[in-house]
Amino acid sequence: MFAFSKLSSSFKSKKSEQTTTETPPKSFKDYFNFQPQANEQQFSQQQNAFRIALPENPLMEMFEESLTGIGWSFLLGSVFGGGIGAATSFFKTSNLTDQIRLNNVLNSTLRVGNHVGSTAAGLASLFYLVNTGSILVRQKKDMAGFAAAGSTVGLIWNLPSKSFRKCAIGAGVGSIAGLGYGFHKRNKGEIIPWYYRPKEKQNKTGIFGLIDN
């Protein structure tokens, strides 16, 4: 009897110690030991490191710049062409009913906008192709590369006319447009001329000194 009472008293004392030492968590935050500020700071550091690592690859940067320029060219060309098509159809169909007139305006907006947008995107693709090739071959990004790309686009645009005068005018207008784009890039803070690798490291790297071995 004495042994049973002693055993029960020891069990009660252990249970009381367990209840006093182990306090339940106040919330899920305490239970999981969650620190939102530390986790947010760590995530922001990883995100910033990822963002900083992207422009270190010049090929990725040129690819991103080309896609952005082609997309903006298609968008602006579609808006500009759609506006011209809508205005032209609106004034030409003044003698028709409102429903037929609205239908013609919408059709003209879509048709002309798609044509102008696709043409602008094609010219932008050719411009960035020539400009990227110039950067890879010459190892620098300067105003001469932009002018050469613009003149090439203007020359190819006027080749179907089979006129030397029109091709020369197109090349001149394209070079002026390329120089304007180059000045725009320089005003945004990009260094022109822009050397991707130091000259002493160009012979020790991969393709045109742009990719490390």
Protein backbone atom coordinates (compact mmCIF):
# COMPACT_ATOMS: atom_id res chain seq x y z
CA MET A 1 0.00 0.00 0.00
CA PHE A 2 2.81 2.33 0.87
CA ALA A 3 4.59 1.47 -2.39
CA PHE A 4 1.45 2.19 -4.46
CA SER A 5 0.96 5.60 -2.81
CA LYS A 6 4.61 6.45 -3.38
CA LEU A 7 4.33 5.45 -7.04
CA SER A 8 1.19 7.55 -7.54
CA SER A 9 2.77 10.59 -5.87
CA SER A 10 5.87 10.32 -8.06
CA PHE A 11 3.68 10.06 -11.17
CA LYS A 12 1.73 13.18 -10.14
CA SER A 13 4.94 15.11 -9.51
CA LYS A 14 6.32 14.15 -12.94
CA LYS A 15 3.05 15.15 -14.58
CA SER A 16 3.06 18.52 -12.81
CA GLU A 17 6.66 19.14 -13.89
CA GLN A 18 5.75 18.26 -17.47
CA THR A 19 2.81 20.65 -17.50
CA THR A 20 4.87 23.45 -16.02
CA THR A 21 7.87 23.04 -18.32
CA GLU A 22 6.02 22.45 -21.64
CA THR A 23 3.92 25.47 -22.43
CA PRO A 24 1.76 25.28 -25.53
CA PRO A 25 2.54 27.73 -28.32
CA LYS A 26 0.55 30.90 -28.42
CA SER A 27 0.08 30.79 -32.17
CA PHE A 28 1.28 28.98 -35.27
CA LYS A 29 3.99 31.59 -35.68
CA ASP A 30 5.59 30.58 -32.36
CA TYR A 31 5.15 26.89 -33.07
CA PHE A 32 6.95 26.95 -36.42
CA ASN A 33 9.49 29.56 -35.27
CA PHE A 34 8.56 31.73 -38.24
CA GLN A 35 10.43 34.99 -38.69
CA PRO A 36 8.81 36.97 -41.51
CA GLN A 37 11.37 39.76 -41.57
CA ALA A 38 14.35 37.41 -41.81
CA ASN A 39 12.68 35.27 -44.47
CA GLU A 40 11.63 38.32 -46.45
CA GLN A 41 15.14 39.75 -46.27
CA GLN A 42 16.64 36.45 -47.39
CA PHE A 43 14.19 36.19 -50.28
CA SER A 44 14.90 39.76 -51.37
CA GLN A 45 18.64 39.06 -51.33
CA GLN A 46 18.18 35.96 -53.47
CA GLN A 47 15.90 37.84 -55.84
CA ASN A 48 18.33 40.74 -56.17
CA ALA A 49 21.20 38.33 -56.75
CA PHE A 50 19.18 36.65 -59.51
CA ARG A 51 18.36 39.98 -61.11
CA ILE A 52 21.97 41.12 -60.98
CA ALA A 53 23.23 37.86 -62.48
CA LEU A 54 21.10 38.12 -65.61
CA PRO A 55 22.76 41.12 -67.35
CA GLU A 56 26.21 39.60 -66.85
CA ASN A 57 25.54 37.41 -69.90
CA PRO A 58 25.76 39.72 -72.92
CA LEU A 59 24.01 37.26 -75.24
CA MET A 60 21.03 37.12 -72.88
CA GLU A 61 20.97 40.90 -72.71
CA MET A 62 21.02 41.28 -76.49
CA PHE A 63 18.30 38.64 -76.85
CA GLU A 64 16.13 40.40 -74.28
CA GLU A 65 16.69 43.78 -75.93
CA SER A 66 15.78 42.36 -79.35
CA LEU A 67 12.55 40.76 -78.14
CA THR A 68 11.54 43.95 -76.34
CA GLY A 69 12.18 46.08 -79.41
CA ILE A 70 10.30 43.72 -81.74
CA GLY A 71 7.33 43.57 -79.38
CA TRP A 72 7.13 47.34 -79.01
CA SER A 73 7.45 47.77 -82.78
CA PHE A 74 4.52 45.43 -83.40
CA LEU A 75 2.41 47.09 -80.72
CA LEU A 76 3.06 50.68 -81.81
CA GLY A 77 2.73 49.77 -85.49
CA SER A 78 -0.59 48.06 -84.86
CA VAL A 79 -1.93 51.05 -82.94
CA PHE A 80 -0.71 53.53 -85.56
CA GLY A 81 -1.98 51.47 -88.50
CA GLY A 82 -5.29 50.81 -86.79
CA GLY A 83 -5.80 54.53 -86.26
CA ILE A 84 -5.04 55.29 -89.91
CA GLY A 85 -7.36 52.53 -91.10
CA ALA A 86 -10.17 53.66 -88.82
CA ALA A 87 -9.89 57.31 -89.89
CA THR A 88 -9.72 56.45 -93.60
CA SER A 89 -12.71 54.12 -93.47
CA PHE A 90 -14.70 56.54 -91.34
CA PHE A 91 -14.45 59.38 -93.86
CA LYS A 92 -14.92 57.16 -96.93
CA THR A 93 -18.19 55.58 -95.70
CA SER A 94 -20.04 58.73 -94.74
CA ASN A 95 -22.96 57.93 -97.07
CA LEU A 96 -23.67 54.48 -95.55
CA THR A 97 -25.82 53.51 -92.60
CA ASP A 98 -24.37 53.53 -89.10
CA GLN A 99 -24.25 49.75 -88.75
CA ILE A 100 -22.50 49.16 -92.08
CA ARG A 101 -20.21 52.10 -91.42
CA LEU A 102 -19.19 50.70 -88.03
CA ASN A 103 -18.54 47.30 -89.58
CA ASN A 104 -16.31 48.80 -92.28
CA VAL A 105 -14.40 50.89 -89.74
CA LEU A 106 -13.70 47.85 -87.54
CA ASN A 107 -12.61 45.71 -90.49
CA SER A 108 -10.31 48.44 -91.79
CA THR A 109 -8.84 48.98 -88.33
CA LEU A 110 -7.96 45.31 -87.92
CA ARG A 111 -6.67 44.88 -91.47
CA VAL A 112 -4.46 47.96 -91.64
CA GLY A 113 -3.31 47.64 -88.02
CA ASN A 114 -2.23 44.04 -88.52
CA HIS A 115 -0.40 44.89 -91.75
CA VAL A 116 1.48 47.87 -90.32
CA GLY A 117 2.28 46.05 -87.06
CA SER A 118 3.63 42.98 -88.86
CA THR A 119 5.72 45.16 -91.18
CA ALA A 120 7.16 47.13 -88.26
CA ALA A 121 7.98 43.90 -86.39
CA GLY A 122 9.73 42.48 -89.46
CA LEU A 123 11.83 45.62 -89.93
CA ALA A 124 12.71 45.62 -86.22
CA SER A 125 13.75 41.95 -86.45
CA LEU A 126 16.06 42.75 -89.36
CA PHE A 127 17.48 45.77 -87.52
CA TYR A 128 18.29 43.80 -84.36
CA LEU A 129 19.71 40.92 -86.39
CA VAL A 130 22.19 43.20 -88.17
CA ASN A 131 22.97 45.13 -84.99
CA THR A 132 23.61 41.95 -83.00
CA GLY A 133 25.86 40.60 -85.74
CA SER A 134 27.79 43.87 -85.74
CA ILE A 135 28.27 43.66 -81.98
CA LEU A 136 29.47 40.05 -82.14
CA VAL A 137 31.95 40.69 -84.95
CA ARG A 138 33.27 44.12 -83.90
CA GLN A 139 33.22 43.39 -80.14
CA LYS A 140 31.64 46.74 -79.31
CA LYS A 141 28.31 48.49 -79.29
CA ASP A 142 28.59 52.00 -80.69
CA MET A 143 26.79 54.47 -82.95
CA ALA A 144 28.35 53.01 -86.09
CA GLY A 145 26.63 49.67 -85.47
CA PHE A 146 23.24 51.34 -85.07
CA ALA A 147 23.76 53.39 -88.24
CA ALA A 148 24.81 50.31 -90.22
CA ALA A 149 21.78 48.35 -89.03
CA GLY A 150 19.42 51.19 -89.91
CA SER A 151 20.94 51.70 -93.36
CA THR A 152 20.68 47.96 -94.07
CA VAL A 153 17.00 47.96 -93.17
CA GLY A 154 16.33 50.99 -95.38
CA LEU A 155 18.26 49.46 -98.28
CA ILE A 156 16.42 46.11 -98.13
CA TRP A 157 13.08 47.89 -97.75
CA ASN A 158 13.59 49.70 -101.08
CA LEU A 159 15.20 46.83 -103.03
CA PRO A 160 11.94 45.78 -104.77
CA SER A 161 11.76 49.21 -106.41
CA LYS A 162 14.96 48.40 -108.41
CA SER A 163 15.96 52.04 -108.21
CA PHE A 164 19.38 53.08 -106.98
CA ARG A 165 18.08 56.49 -105.97
CA LYS A 166 15.31 55.06 -103.79
CA CYS A 167 17.69 52.53 -102.23
CA ALA A 168 20.17 55.29 -101.39
CA ILE A 169 17.43 57.45 -99.89
CA GLY A 170 16.13 54.49 -97.87
CA ALA A 171 19.63 53.71 -96.59
CA GLY A 172 20.12 57.33 -95.55
CA VAL A 173 16.79 57.53 -93.77
CA GLY A 174 17.46 54.18 -92.07
CA SER A 175 20.89 55.28 -90.87
CA ILE A 176 19.38 58.45 -89.39
CA ALA A 177 16.73 56.35 -87.64
CA GLY A 178 19.42 53.98 -86.34
CA LEU A 179 21.46 56.90 -85.00
CA GLY A 180 18.35 58.24 -83.28
CA TYR A 181 17.81 54.88 -81.61
CA GLY A 182 21.46 54.83 -80.59
CA PHE A 183 21.18 58.27 -78.98
CA HIS A 184 18.08 57.05 -77.18
CA LYS A 185 20.00 54.06 -75.77
CA ARG A 186 22.88 56.30 -74.71
CA ASN A 187 20.55 58.70 -72.91
CA LYS A 188 19.15 55.74 -70.96
CA GLY A 189 22.57 55.26 -69.37
CA GLU A 190 24.12 52.55 -71.51
CA ILE A 191 27.80 52.98 -72.30
CA ILE A 192 28.60 53.53 -75.96
CA PRO A 193 31.03 52.21 -77.11
CA TRP A 194 30.37 49.21 -74.93
CA TYR A 195 33.07 46.56 -74.73
CA TYR A 196 31.83 43.29 -73.31
CA ARG A 197 35.23 41.92 -72.32
CA PRO A 198 38.63 43.54 -71.74
CA LYS A 199 41.01 43.12 -74.65
CA GLU A 200 43.42 40.96 -72.67
CA LYS A 201 40.61 38.46 -71.96
CA GLN A 202 39.06 38.32 -75.42
CA ASN A 203 41.52 35.74 -76.72
CA LYS A 204 41.02 33.50 -73.68
CA THR A 205 37.25 33.21 -73.93
CA GLY A 206 34.81 31.39 -76.16
CA ILE A 207 32.73 32.63 -79.09
CA PHE A 208 33.89 36.16 -80.01
CA GLY A 209 35.01 36.69 -76.42
CA LEU A 210 31.44 36.71 -75.13
CA ILE A 211 31.15 33.27 -73.52
CA ASP A 212 33.68 31.95 -71.04
CA ASN A 213 35.23 28.58 -71.78
